[in-house]
């Protein structure tokens, strides 16, 4: 068997694992395809739930997608209708008002938090008028009235008022609706808070 002596030269062939990477592979390792990354992130976000453009911009920024690449990808998504802030705002107003009974003031806050532009939010909020707000407030108070029967009238009124305030209703609408519902439930709304008694 032939053995290699100390002075024997190694073969000129390099081991495969020591070969330098091809230029294309090295370039891909060093410079990822930001546009493809941005498209994937945006599509994953939209598949999970509807999003505003601002929300998608935040998601891309968290993944270090360059601003110019993010803008280009989102512009393209907007052109094909995948990103539509007006449609998103309209949907949010309908669902939040219909399912949660939020008033316009609370809806405006949520739209702003989602990054919706004021002019877009204003159009979306036109879906909810004063009558809609009053009807929503009454439904909420009627539900609260059923769950608070047996409590002192002033406690019931305080809890109803707090609930409506958290939903964004103004004091005027809240008090009128609360007084109406309590009166129908046998409570005199004209009495002082400490003197409310059930009507005979």
N, C-alpha and C. Protein backbone atom coordinates (compact mmCIF):
# COMPACT_ATOMS: atom_id res chain seq x y z
N UNK A 1 0.87 -1.20 0.00
CA UNK A 1 0.00 0.00 0.00
C UNK A 1 0.89 1.22 0.00
N UNK A 2 0.58 2.18 -0.81
CA UNK A 2 1.40 3.39 -0.93
C UNK A 2 1.00 4.38 0.13
N UNK A 3 1.98 4.94 0.84
CA UNK A 3 1.70 5.96 1.86
C UNK A 3 2.30 7.27 1.43
N UNK A 4 1.71 8.33 1.89
CA UNK A 4 2.18 9.65 1.51
C UNK A 4 3.29 10.06 2.48
N UNK A 5 4.41 10.40 1.95
CA UNK A 5 5.54 10.83 2.78
C UNK A 5 5.33 12.24 3.24
N UNK A 6 6.16 12.65 4.19
CA UNK A 6 6.00 14.00 4.73
C UNK A 6 6.14 15.08 3.68
N UNK A 7 6.97 14.78 2.69
CA UNK A 7 7.18 15.84 1.69
C UNK A 7 6.29 15.70 0.49
N UNK A 8 5.41 14.73 0.48
CA UNK A 8 4.57 14.50 -0.70
C UNK A 8 3.53 15.62 -0.83
N UNK A 9 3.42 16.17 -1.99
CA UNK A 9 2.48 17.26 -2.20
C UNK A 9 1.06 16.72 -2.28
N UNK A 10 0.15 17.52 -1.74
CA UNK A 10 -1.27 17.16 -1.83
C UNK A 10 -1.75 17.37 -3.26
N UNK A 11 -2.80 16.71 -3.57
CA UNK A 11 -3.40 16.89 -4.89
C UNK A 11 -3.88 18.32 -5.04
N UNK A 12 -3.86 18.83 -6.24
CA UNK A 12 -4.32 20.18 -6.48
C UNK A 12 -5.82 20.33 -6.40
N UNK A 13 -6.54 19.19 -6.33
CA UNK A 13 -8.00 19.27 -6.27
C UNK A 13 -8.44 19.69 -4.87
N UNK A 14 -9.28 20.72 -4.76
CA UNK A 14 -9.77 21.20 -3.48
C UNK A 14 -10.94 20.35 -3.03
N UNK A 15 -11.05 20.21 -1.71
CA UNK A 15 -12.21 19.49 -1.20
C UNK A 15 -13.47 20.29 -1.50
N UNK A 16 -14.56 19.58 -1.82
CA UNK A 16 -15.80 20.30 -2.19
C UNK A 16 -16.26 21.27 -1.14
N UNK A 17 -16.09 20.89 0.17
CA UNK A 17 -16.61 21.78 1.20
C UNK A 17 -15.75 23.02 1.39
N UNK A 18 -14.57 23.04 0.76
CA UNK A 18 -13.71 24.22 0.84
C UNK A 18 -13.82 25.10 -0.39
N UNK A 19 -14.61 24.65 -1.37
CA UNK A 19 -14.77 25.46 -2.57
C UNK A 19 -15.50 26.75 -2.23
N UNK A 20 -15.10 27.88 -2.77
CA UNK A 20 -15.83 29.14 -2.51
C UNK A 20 -17.21 29.05 -3.13
N UNK A 21 -18.22 29.65 -2.48
CA UNK A 21 -19.58 29.61 -3.04
C UNK A 21 -19.62 30.38 -4.34
N UNK A 22 -20.54 29.97 -5.19
CA UNK A 22 -20.72 30.71 -6.44
C UNK A 22 -21.19 32.12 -6.13
N UNK A 23 -20.91 33.00 -7.03
CA UNK A 23 -21.22 34.41 -6.81
C UNK A 23 -22.70 34.62 -6.53
N UNK A 24 -23.57 33.90 -7.28
CA UNK A 24 -25.00 34.06 -7.09
C UNK A 24 -25.46 33.65 -5.71
N UNK A 25 -24.95 32.51 -5.24
CA UNK A 25 -25.34 32.04 -3.92
C UNK A 25 -24.86 32.98 -2.84
N UNK A 26 -23.62 33.46 -2.98
CA UNK A 26 -23.09 34.38 -1.98
C UNK A 26 -23.91 35.66 -1.95
N UNK A 27 -24.30 36.12 -3.12
CA UNK A 27 -25.08 37.36 -3.19
C UNK A 27 -26.43 37.17 -2.51
N UNK A 28 -27.03 35.97 -2.70
CA UNK A 28 -28.33 35.75 -2.08
C UNK A 28 -28.20 35.70 -0.57
N UNK A 29 -27.08 35.09 -0.07
CA UNK A 29 -26.89 35.02 1.37
C UNK A 29 -26.70 36.39 1.96
N UNK A 30 -25.98 37.24 1.25
CA UNK A 30 -25.66 38.55 1.79
C UNK A 30 -26.77 39.56 1.55
N UNK A 31 -27.49 39.43 0.45
CA UNK A 31 -28.52 40.40 0.10
C UNK A 31 -29.83 39.67 -0.19
N UNK A 32 -30.66 39.47 0.83
CA UNK A 32 -31.93 38.78 0.60
C UNK A 32 -32.83 39.58 -0.34
N UNK A 33 -33.74 38.88 -0.95
CA UNK A 33 -34.69 39.51 -1.87
C UNK A 33 -35.76 40.21 -1.03
N UNK A 34 -35.53 41.49 -0.75
CA UNK A 34 -36.44 42.23 0.13
C UNK A 34 -37.85 42.31 -0.44
N UNK A 35 -37.95 42.39 -1.74
CA UNK A 35 -39.28 42.50 -2.35
C UNK A 35 -40.08 41.22 -2.11
N UNK A 36 -39.44 40.06 -2.29
CA UNK A 36 -40.13 38.80 -2.06
C UNK A 36 -40.49 38.64 -0.59
N UNK A 37 -39.58 39.04 0.28
CA UNK A 37 -39.86 38.99 1.72
C UNK A 37 -41.06 39.87 2.05
N UNK A 38 -41.08 41.07 1.48
CA UNK A 38 -42.18 42.00 1.75
C UNK A 38 -43.51 41.44 1.26
N UNK A 39 -43.52 40.85 0.07
CA UNK A 39 -44.76 40.27 -0.45
C UNK A 39 -45.26 39.14 0.45
N UNK A 40 -44.35 38.30 0.89
CA UNK A 40 -44.73 37.17 1.73
C UNK A 40 -45.30 37.64 3.07
N UNK A 41 -44.63 38.61 3.68
CA UNK A 41 -45.10 39.13 4.97
C UNK A 41 -46.48 39.76 4.82
N UNK A 42 -46.64 40.59 3.80
CA UNK A 42 -47.92 41.28 3.60
C UNK A 42 -49.05 40.29 3.33
N UNK A 43 -48.79 39.29 2.50
CA UNK A 43 -49.82 38.30 2.19
C UNK A 43 -50.19 37.48 3.43
N UNK A 44 -49.20 37.14 4.23
CA UNK A 44 -49.48 36.39 5.46
C UNK A 44 -50.33 37.22 6.42
N UNK A 45 -50.03 38.51 6.51
CA UNK A 45 -50.81 39.39 7.37
C UNK A 45 -52.26 39.49 6.89
N UNK A 46 -52.44 39.63 5.59
CA UNK A 46 -53.78 39.77 5.04
C UNK A 46 -54.57 38.47 5.11
N UNK A 47 -53.87 37.34 5.02
CA UNK A 47 -54.55 36.06 5.15
C UNK A 47 -55.04 35.83 6.57
N UNK A 48 -54.33 36.40 7.54
CA UNK A 48 -54.72 36.23 8.94
C UNK A 48 -55.94 37.07 9.29
N UNK A 49 -55.99 38.30 8.76
CA UNK A 49 -57.10 39.22 9.06
C UNK A 49 -56.97 40.44 8.17
N UNK A 50 -58.09 41.15 7.92
CA UNK A 50 -57.99 42.40 7.15
C UNK A 50 -57.05 43.38 7.85
N UNK A 51 -56.30 44.15 7.08
CA UNK A 51 -55.34 45.10 7.65
C UNK A 51 -55.40 46.42 6.88
N UNK A 52 -55.07 47.48 7.59
CA UNK A 52 -54.90 48.77 6.93
C UNK A 52 -53.48 48.84 6.36
N UNK A 53 -53.25 49.79 5.48
CA UNK A 53 -51.91 49.96 4.93
C UNK A 53 -50.91 50.28 6.03
N UNK A 54 -51.30 51.10 6.98
CA UNK A 54 -50.40 51.47 8.07
C UNK A 54 -50.00 50.25 8.89
N UNK A 55 -50.93 49.34 9.12
CA UNK A 55 -50.60 48.13 9.87
C UNK A 55 -49.60 47.27 9.10
N UNK A 56 -49.78 47.18 7.80
CA UNK A 56 -48.84 46.41 6.98
C UNK A 56 -47.46 47.07 6.97
N UNK A 57 -47.44 48.39 6.90
CA UNK A 57 -46.15 49.10 6.95
C UNK A 57 -45.41 48.80 8.25
N UNK A 58 -46.14 48.76 9.36
CA UNK A 58 -45.52 48.44 10.65
C UNK A 58 -44.96 47.02 10.65
N UNK A 59 -45.73 46.08 10.09
CA UNK A 59 -45.28 44.69 10.05
C UNK A 59 -44.01 44.55 9.21
N UNK A 60 -43.95 45.25 8.10
CA UNK A 60 -42.76 45.19 7.24
C UNK A 60 -41.56 45.86 7.91
N UNK A 61 -41.81 46.96 8.60
CA UNK A 61 -40.71 47.65 9.28
C UNK A 61 -40.12 46.77 10.39
N UNK A 62 -40.98 46.02 11.07
CA UNK A 62 -40.48 45.12 12.13
C UNK A 62 -39.56 44.05 11.57
N UNK A 63 -39.73 43.72 10.29
CA UNK A 63 -38.88 42.70 9.66
C UNK A 63 -37.76 43.33 8.85
N UNK A 64 -37.52 44.62 9.11
CA UNK A 64 -36.39 45.34 8.49
C UNK A 64 -36.48 45.41 6.97
N UNK A 65 -37.69 45.44 6.44
CA UNK A 65 -37.85 45.66 5.00
C UNK A 65 -37.61 47.14 4.73
N UNK A 66 -36.74 47.48 3.78
CA UNK A 66 -36.49 48.90 3.48
C UNK A 66 -37.78 49.63 3.13
N UNK A 67 -37.84 50.89 3.53
CA UNK A 67 -39.06 51.68 3.32
C UNK A 67 -39.47 51.76 1.86
N UNK A 68 -38.48 51.94 0.96
CA UNK A 68 -38.82 52.08 -0.45
C UNK A 68 -39.38 50.78 -1.02
N UNK A 69 -38.85 49.66 -0.57
CA UNK A 69 -39.36 48.37 -1.03
C UNK A 69 -40.77 48.15 -0.49
N UNK A 70 -40.99 48.47 0.79
CA UNK A 70 -42.32 48.33 1.39
C UNK A 70 -43.34 49.18 0.64
N UNK A 71 -42.97 50.42 0.33
CA UNK A 71 -43.89 51.31 -0.38
C UNK A 71 -44.23 50.76 -1.76
N UNK A 72 -43.23 50.24 -2.46
CA UNK A 72 -43.46 49.70 -3.80
C UNK A 72 -44.40 48.50 -3.76
N UNK A 73 -44.16 47.59 -2.82
CA UNK A 73 -45.01 46.40 -2.72
C UNK A 73 -46.43 46.78 -2.32
N UNK A 74 -46.57 47.68 -1.35
CA UNK A 74 -47.92 48.06 -0.90
C UNK A 74 -48.65 48.87 -1.96
N UNK A 75 -47.93 49.67 -2.74
CA UNK A 75 -48.55 50.37 -3.87
C UNK A 75 -49.14 49.37 -4.86
N UNK A 76 -48.38 48.31 -5.12
CA UNK A 76 -48.85 47.29 -6.05
C UNK A 76 -50.07 46.56 -5.48
N UNK A 77 -50.02 46.26 -4.18
CA UNK A 77 -51.16 45.60 -3.54
C UNK A 77 -52.40 46.49 -3.58
N UNK A 78 -52.18 47.80 -3.45
CA UNK A 78 -53.31 48.74 -3.50
C UNK A 78 -53.91 48.77 -4.90
N UNK A 79 -53.06 48.75 -5.91
CA UNK A 79 -53.53 48.79 -7.30
C UNK A 79 -54.42 47.61 -7.63
N UNK A 80 -54.11 46.44 -7.09
CA UNK A 80 -54.88 45.23 -7.41
C UNK A 80 -56.00 44.98 -6.40
N UNK A 81 -56.15 45.89 -5.41
CA UNK A 81 -57.26 45.79 -4.48
C UNK A 81 -57.01 44.94 -3.24
N UNK A 82 -55.79 44.48 -3.05
CA UNK A 82 -55.49 43.71 -1.84
C UNK A 82 -55.41 44.60 -0.61
N UNK A 83 -55.04 45.85 -0.82
CA UNK A 83 -55.00 46.84 0.26
C UNK A 83 -55.98 47.95 -0.11
N UNK A 84 -56.97 48.18 0.74
CA UNK A 84 -58.00 49.18 0.47
C UNK A 84 -58.44 49.76 1.81
N UNK A 85 -57.87 50.88 2.20
CA UNK A 85 -58.16 51.46 3.51
C UNK A 85 -59.62 51.88 3.66
N UNK A 86 -60.25 52.33 2.57
CA UNK A 86 -61.66 52.73 2.69
C UNK A 86 -62.54 51.52 2.95
N UNK A 87 -62.31 50.45 2.21
CA UNK A 87 -63.10 49.24 2.44
C UNK A 87 -62.84 48.68 3.83
N UNK A 88 -61.60 48.75 4.27
CA UNK A 88 -61.26 48.25 5.61
C UNK A 88 -61.96 49.09 6.68
N UNK A 89 -61.92 50.41 6.53
CA UNK A 89 -62.56 51.30 7.51
C UNK A 89 -64.08 51.10 7.53
N UNK A 90 -64.69 50.96 6.36
CA UNK A 90 -66.13 50.72 6.29
C UNK A 90 -66.50 49.43 7.02
N UNK A 91 -65.72 48.39 6.79
CA UNK A 91 -65.98 47.10 7.42
C UNK A 91 -65.83 47.19 8.94
N UNK A 92 -64.78 47.88 9.38
CA UNK A 92 -64.53 47.99 10.81
C UNK A 92 -65.68 48.74 11.50
N UNK A 93 -66.15 49.82 10.90
CA UNK A 93 -67.25 50.59 11.49
C UNK A 93 -68.51 49.73 11.57
N UNK A 94 -68.83 49.02 10.49
CA UNK A 94 -70.04 48.19 10.49
C UNK A 94 -69.98 47.12 11.58
N UNK A 95 -68.87 46.41 11.66
CA UNK A 95 -68.79 45.30 12.61
C UNK A 95 -68.70 45.78 14.05
N UNK A 96 -67.89 46.81 14.30
CA UNK A 96 -67.73 47.29 15.68
C UNK A 96 -69.01 47.94 16.20
N UNK A 97 -69.73 48.62 15.32
CA UNK A 97 -71.00 49.23 15.75
C UNK A 97 -72.07 48.17 15.90
N UNK A 98 -72.15 47.27 14.91
CA UNK A 98 -73.20 46.26 14.95
C UNK A 98 -73.01 45.21 16.04
N UNK A 99 -71.77 44.76 16.23
CA UNK A 99 -71.51 43.66 17.16
C UNK A 99 -71.21 44.14 18.58
N UNK A 100 -70.54 45.29 18.70
CA UNK A 100 -70.14 45.77 20.02
C UNK A 100 -70.89 47.01 20.47
N UNK A 101 -71.67 47.60 19.56
CA UNK A 101 -72.44 48.79 19.93
C UNK A 101 -71.60 50.03 20.15
N UNK A 102 -70.43 50.12 19.51
CA UNK A 102 -69.58 51.29 19.71
C UNK A 102 -70.20 52.53 19.07
N UNK A 103 -70.08 53.65 19.76
CA UNK A 103 -70.55 54.93 19.23
C UNK A 103 -69.50 55.53 18.30
N UNK A 104 -69.88 56.59 17.59
CA UNK A 104 -68.97 57.19 16.62
C UNK A 104 -67.64 57.61 17.25
N UNK A 105 -67.71 58.16 18.46
CA UNK A 105 -66.48 58.63 19.10
C UNK A 105 -65.50 57.49 19.34
N UNK A 106 -65.99 56.36 19.83
CA UNK A 106 -65.13 55.21 20.05
C UNK A 106 -64.65 54.62 18.73
N UNK A 107 -65.51 54.63 17.72
CA UNK A 107 -65.12 54.14 16.41
C UNK A 107 -64.01 54.99 15.81
N UNK A 108 -64.11 56.31 15.98
CA UNK A 108 -63.08 57.21 15.45
C UNK A 108 -61.73 56.93 16.11
N UNK A 109 -61.75 56.66 17.40
CA UNK A 109 -60.50 56.35 18.11
C UNK A 109 -59.89 55.07 17.57
N UNK A 110 -60.73 54.07 17.34
CA UNK A 110 -60.21 52.79 16.83
C UNK A 110 -59.66 52.93 15.42
N UNK A 111 -60.33 53.68 14.58
CA UNK A 111 -59.84 53.91 13.22
C UNK A 111 -58.48 54.61 13.24
N UNK A 112 -58.37 55.60 14.12
CA UNK A 112 -57.09 56.31 14.23
C UNK A 112 -55.98 55.37 14.71
N UNK A 113 -56.32 54.49 15.63
CA UNK A 113 -55.32 53.54 16.15
C UNK A 113 -54.88 52.57 15.06
N UNK A 114 -55.76 52.28 14.10
CA UNK A 114 -55.42 51.38 13.00
C UNK A 114 -54.67 52.09 11.89
N UNK A 115 -54.45 53.39 12.04
CA UNK A 115 -53.69 54.13 11.03
C UNK A 115 -54.52 54.63 9.85
N UNK A 116 -55.83 54.72 10.03
CA UNK A 116 -56.70 55.20 8.95
C UNK A 116 -56.65 56.72 8.89
N UNK A 117 -56.48 57.26 7.70
CA UNK A 117 -56.42 58.70 7.51
C UNK A 117 -57.75 59.35 7.90
N UNK A 118 -57.71 60.59 8.44
CA UNK A 118 -58.95 61.25 8.90
C UNK A 118 -60.04 61.34 7.84
N UNK A 119 -59.66 61.66 6.59
CA UNK A 119 -60.67 61.80 5.55
C UNK A 119 -61.31 60.45 5.22
N UNK A 120 -60.56 59.38 5.31
CA UNK A 120 -61.11 58.04 5.06
C UNK A 120 -62.03 57.65 6.22
N UNK A 121 -61.60 57.94 7.44
CA UNK A 121 -62.41 57.62 8.62
C UNK A 121 -63.74 58.37 8.59
N UNK A 122 -63.69 59.63 8.16
CA UNK A 122 -64.91 60.44 8.13
C UNK A 122 -65.97 59.83 7.22
N UNK A 123 -65.54 59.32 6.07
CA UNK A 123 -66.47 58.68 5.14
C UNK A 123 -67.05 57.41 5.77
N UNK A 124 -66.21 56.63 6.41
CA UNK A 124 -66.67 55.39 7.02
C UNK A 124 -67.67 55.66 8.15
N UNK A 125 -67.43 56.70 8.91
CA UNK A 125 -68.28 57.00 10.06
C UNK A 125 -69.65 57.52 9.65
N UNK A 126 -69.81 57.92 8.39
CA UNK A 126 -71.11 58.38 7.92
C UNK A 126 -72.16 57.27 7.95
N UNK A 127 -71.70 56.02 8.08
CA UNK A 127 -72.63 54.89 8.16
C UNK A 127 -73.44 54.90 9.45
N UNK A 128 -72.94 55.61 10.47
CA UNK A 128 -73.59 55.62 11.78
C UNK A 128 -74.12 57.03 12.06
N UNK A 129 -75.44 57.18 12.15
CA UNK A 129 -76.01 58.49 12.44
C UNK A 129 -76.55 58.53 13.87
N UNK A 130 -77.18 59.63 14.23
CA UNK A 130 -77.68 59.80 15.59
C UNK A 130 -78.69 58.74 15.99
N UNK A 131 -79.59 58.39 15.07
CA UNK A 131 -80.59 57.36 15.38
C UNK A 131 -79.93 56.01 15.62
N UNK A 132 -78.92 55.70 14.81
CA UNK A 132 -78.20 54.44 14.99
C UNK A 132 -77.55 54.38 16.37
N UNK A 133 -76.94 55.50 16.77
CA UNK A 133 -76.29 55.54 18.08
C UNK A 133 -77.30 55.35 19.20
N UNK A 134 -78.44 56.03 19.09
CA UNK A 134 -79.44 55.92 20.15
C UNK A 134 -79.98 54.49 20.25
N UNK A 135 -80.24 53.87 19.10
CA UNK A 135 -80.73 52.49 19.09
C UNK A 135 -79.71 51.54 19.72
N UNK A 136 -78.43 51.76 19.38
CA UNK A 136 -77.38 50.91 19.94
C UNK A 136 -77.28 51.10 21.45
N UNK A 137 -77.36 52.36 21.90
CA UNK A 137 -77.30 52.64 23.34
C UNK A 137 -78.45 51.98 24.07
N UNK A 138 -79.62 52.03 23.47
CA UNK A 138 -80.79 51.43 24.13
C UNK A 138 -80.63 49.91 24.25
N UNK A 139 -80.13 49.27 23.19
CA UNK A 139 -79.94 47.82 23.26
C UNK A 139 -78.96 47.46 24.37
N UNK A 140 -77.89 48.23 24.49
CA UNK A 140 -76.90 47.97 25.53
C UNK A 140 -77.49 48.16 26.92
N UNK A 141 -78.27 49.22 27.09
CA UNK A 141 -78.84 49.50 28.41
C UNK A 141 -79.89 48.46 28.77
N UNK A 142 -80.69 48.04 27.81
CA UNK A 142 -81.70 47.02 28.08
C UNK A 142 -81.03 45.72 28.54
N UNK A 143 -79.93 45.38 27.91
CA UNK A 143 -79.20 44.17 28.31
C UNK A 143 -78.63 44.33 29.72
N UNK A 144 -78.08 45.53 29.99
CA UNK A 144 -77.53 45.78 31.33
C UNK A 144 -78.63 45.79 32.38
N UNK A 145 -79.80 46.28 32.01
CA UNK A 145 -80.92 46.32 32.96
C UNK A 145 -81.30 44.92 33.41
N UNK A 146 -81.30 43.99 32.46
CA UNK A 146 -81.66 42.61 32.81
C UNK A 146 -80.65 41.99 33.77
N UNK A 147 -79.37 42.32 33.59
CA UNK A 147 -78.33 41.70 34.42
C UNK A 147 -78.13 42.40 35.76
N UNK A 148 -78.79 43.56 35.95
CA UNK A 148 -78.60 44.29 37.21
C UNK A 148 -79.87 44.36 38.06
N UNK A 149 -80.90 43.67 37.66
CA UNK A 149 -82.13 43.67 38.47
C UNK A 149 -81.82 43.12 39.85
N UNK A 150 -82.38 43.78 40.85
CA UNK A 150 -82.12 43.38 42.22
C UNK A 150 -81.10 44.27 42.91
N UNK A 151 -80.33 45.05 42.11
CA UNK A 151 -79.39 46.00 42.70
C UNK A 151 -80.11 47.32 42.99
N UNK A 152 -79.50 48.13 43.82
CA UNK A 152 -80.06 49.46 44.12
C UNK A 152 -80.12 50.28 42.83
N UNK A 153 -81.17 51.07 42.65
CA UNK A 153 -81.31 51.85 41.41
C UNK A 153 -80.10 52.71 41.09
N UNK A 154 -79.51 53.36 42.12
CA UNK A 154 -78.36 54.21 41.83
C UNK A 154 -77.16 53.39 41.35
N UNK A 155 -77.02 52.18 41.84
CA UNK A 155 -75.94 51.30 41.39
C UNK A 155 -76.17 50.90 39.94
N UNK A 156 -77.41 50.57 39.62
CA UNK A 156 -77.74 50.20 38.25
C UNK A 156 -77.44 51.36 37.29
N UNK A 157 -77.87 52.55 37.69
CA UNK A 157 -77.67 53.72 36.83
C UNK A 157 -76.18 53.99 36.62
N UNK A 158 -75.40 53.87 37.70
CA UNK A 158 -73.96 54.13 37.60
C UNK A 158 -73.28 53.12 36.67
N UNK A 159 -73.68 51.88 36.79
CA UNK A 159 -73.08 50.84 35.94
C UNK A 159 -73.46 51.02 34.48
N UNK A 160 -74.70 51.40 34.24
CA UNK A 160 -75.13 51.65 32.86
C UNK A 160 -74.38 52.83 32.26
N UNK A 161 -74.25 53.90 33.04
CA UNK A 161 -73.55 55.09 32.54
C UNK A 161 -72.09 54.78 32.26
N UNK A 162 -71.44 54.02 33.12
CA UNK A 162 -70.04 53.66 32.90
C UNK A 162 -69.86 52.81 31.67
N UNK A 163 -70.78 51.88 31.47
CA UNK A 163 -70.72 51.02 30.29
C UNK A 163 -70.87 51.82 29.00
N UNK A 164 -71.82 52.74 28.97
CA UNK A 164 -72.01 53.55 27.77
C UNK A 164 -70.84 54.50 27.53
N UNK A 165 -70.26 55.02 28.59
CA UNK A 165 -69.09 55.90 28.42
C UNK A 165 -67.94 55.13 27.79
N UNK A 166 -67.73 53.90 28.21
CA UNK A 166 -66.64 53.09 27.63
C UNK A 166 -66.90 52.78 26.17
N UNK A 167 -68.17 52.78 25.76
CA UNK A 167 -68.52 52.52 24.36
C UNK A 167 -68.47 53.80 23.52
N UNK A 168 -68.18 54.93 24.16
CA UNK A 168 -68.03 56.17 23.41
C UNK A 168 -69.27 57.03 23.31
N UNK A 169 -70.31 56.74 24.08
CA UNK A 169 -71.54 57.53 24.01
C UNK A 169 -71.43 58.79 24.88
N UNK A 170 -71.98 59.88 24.38
CA UNK A 170 -71.99 61.12 25.14
C UNK A 170 -72.97 61.04 26.30
N UNK A 171 -72.77 61.95 27.26
CA UNK A 171 -73.59 61.92 28.47
C UNK A 171 -75.06 62.17 28.17
N UNK A 172 -75.36 63.07 27.21
CA UNK A 172 -76.76 63.39 26.91
C UNK A 172 -77.53 62.17 26.44
N UNK A 173 -77.01 61.48 25.44
CA UNK A 173 -77.67 60.29 24.92
C UNK A 173 -77.75 59.22 26.01
N UNK A 174 -76.66 59.05 26.75
CA UNK A 174 -76.61 58.00 27.77
C UNK A 174 -77.69 58.21 28.83
N UNK A 175 -77.79 59.42 29.36
CA UNK A 175 -78.75 59.66 30.44
C UNK A 175 -80.18 59.52 29.98
N UNK A 176 -80.48 59.99 28.77
CA UNK A 176 -81.86 59.87 28.26
C UNK A 176 -82.26 58.40 28.12
N UNK A 177 -81.37 57.61 27.54
CA UNK A 177 -81.69 56.19 27.32
C UNK A 177 -81.78 55.45 28.65
N UNK A 178 -80.86 55.74 29.56
CA UNK A 178 -80.89 55.07 30.87
C UNK A 178 -82.18 55.39 31.61
N UNK A 179 -82.58 56.68 31.61
CA UNK A 179 -83.80 57.06 32.30
C UNK A 179 -85.01 56.36 31.69
N UNK A 180 -85.05 56.26 30.36
CA UNK A 180 -86.18 55.61 29.69
C UNK A 180 -86.26 54.13 30.10
N UNK A 181 -85.14 53.45 30.04
CA UNK A 181 -85.14 52.02 30.32
C UNK A 181 -85.45 51.75 31.79
N UNK A 182 -84.90 52.56 32.70
CA UNK A 182 -85.17 52.36 34.12
C UNK A 182 -86.64 52.64 34.43
N UNK A 183 -87.19 53.65 33.78
CA UNK A 183 -88.61 53.95 34.01
C UNK A 183 -89.47 52.77 33.56
N UNK A 184 -89.14 52.18 32.41
CA UNK A 184 -89.89 51.03 31.93
C UNK A 184 -89.70 49.82 32.86
N UNK A 185 -88.59 49.84 33.60
CA UNK A 185 -88.30 48.74 34.51
C UNK A 185 -88.83 49.01 35.92
N UNK A 186 -89.58 50.12 36.07
CA UNK A 186 -90.21 50.41 37.35
C UNK A 186 -89.41 51.28 38.28
N UNK A 187 -88.44 52.04 37.74
CA UNK A 187 -87.63 52.93 38.58
C UNK A 187 -87.93 54.37 38.19
N UNK A 188 -88.17 55.24 39.18
CA UNK A 188 -88.48 56.65 38.92
C UNK A 188 -87.19 57.40 38.62
N UNK A 189 -86.96 57.80 37.36
CA UNK A 189 -85.73 58.49 37.00
C UNK A 189 -85.66 59.92 37.53
N UNK A 190 -86.80 60.47 37.97
CA UNK A 190 -86.81 61.85 38.45
C UNK A 190 -86.38 61.95 39.90
N UNK A 191 -86.36 60.85 40.61
CA UNK A 191 -85.99 60.88 42.02
C UNK A 191 -84.49 61.09 42.17
N UNK A 192 -84.11 61.59 43.33
CA UNK A 192 -82.68 61.73 43.62
C UNK A 192 -82.05 60.35 43.69
N UNK A 193 -80.76 60.21 43.33
CA UNK A 193 -80.12 58.90 43.29
C UNK A 193 -80.31 58.09 44.56
N UNK A 194 -80.26 58.75 45.74
CA UNK A 194 -80.39 58.01 46.98
C UNK A 194 -81.82 57.70 47.35
N UNK A 195 -82.79 58.19 46.54
CA UNK A 195 -84.19 58.02 46.90
C UNK A 195 -84.97 57.20 45.87
N UNK A 196 -84.24 56.66 44.87
CA UNK A 196 -84.96 55.90 43.84
C UNK A 196 -85.65 54.70 44.46
N UNK A 197 -86.89 54.55 44.14
CA UNK A 197 -87.65 53.40 44.62
C UNK A 197 -88.40 52.81 43.43
N UNK A 198 -88.69 51.56 43.52
CA UNK A 198 -89.49 50.92 42.49
C UNK A 198 -90.88 51.52 42.48
N UNK A 199 -91.40 51.77 41.31
CA UNK A 199 -92.75 52.32 41.18
C UNK A 199 -93.77 51.22 41.44
N UNK A 200 -94.88 51.61 42.05
CA UNK A 200 -95.95 50.64 42.29
C UNK A 200 -96.74 50.42 41.00
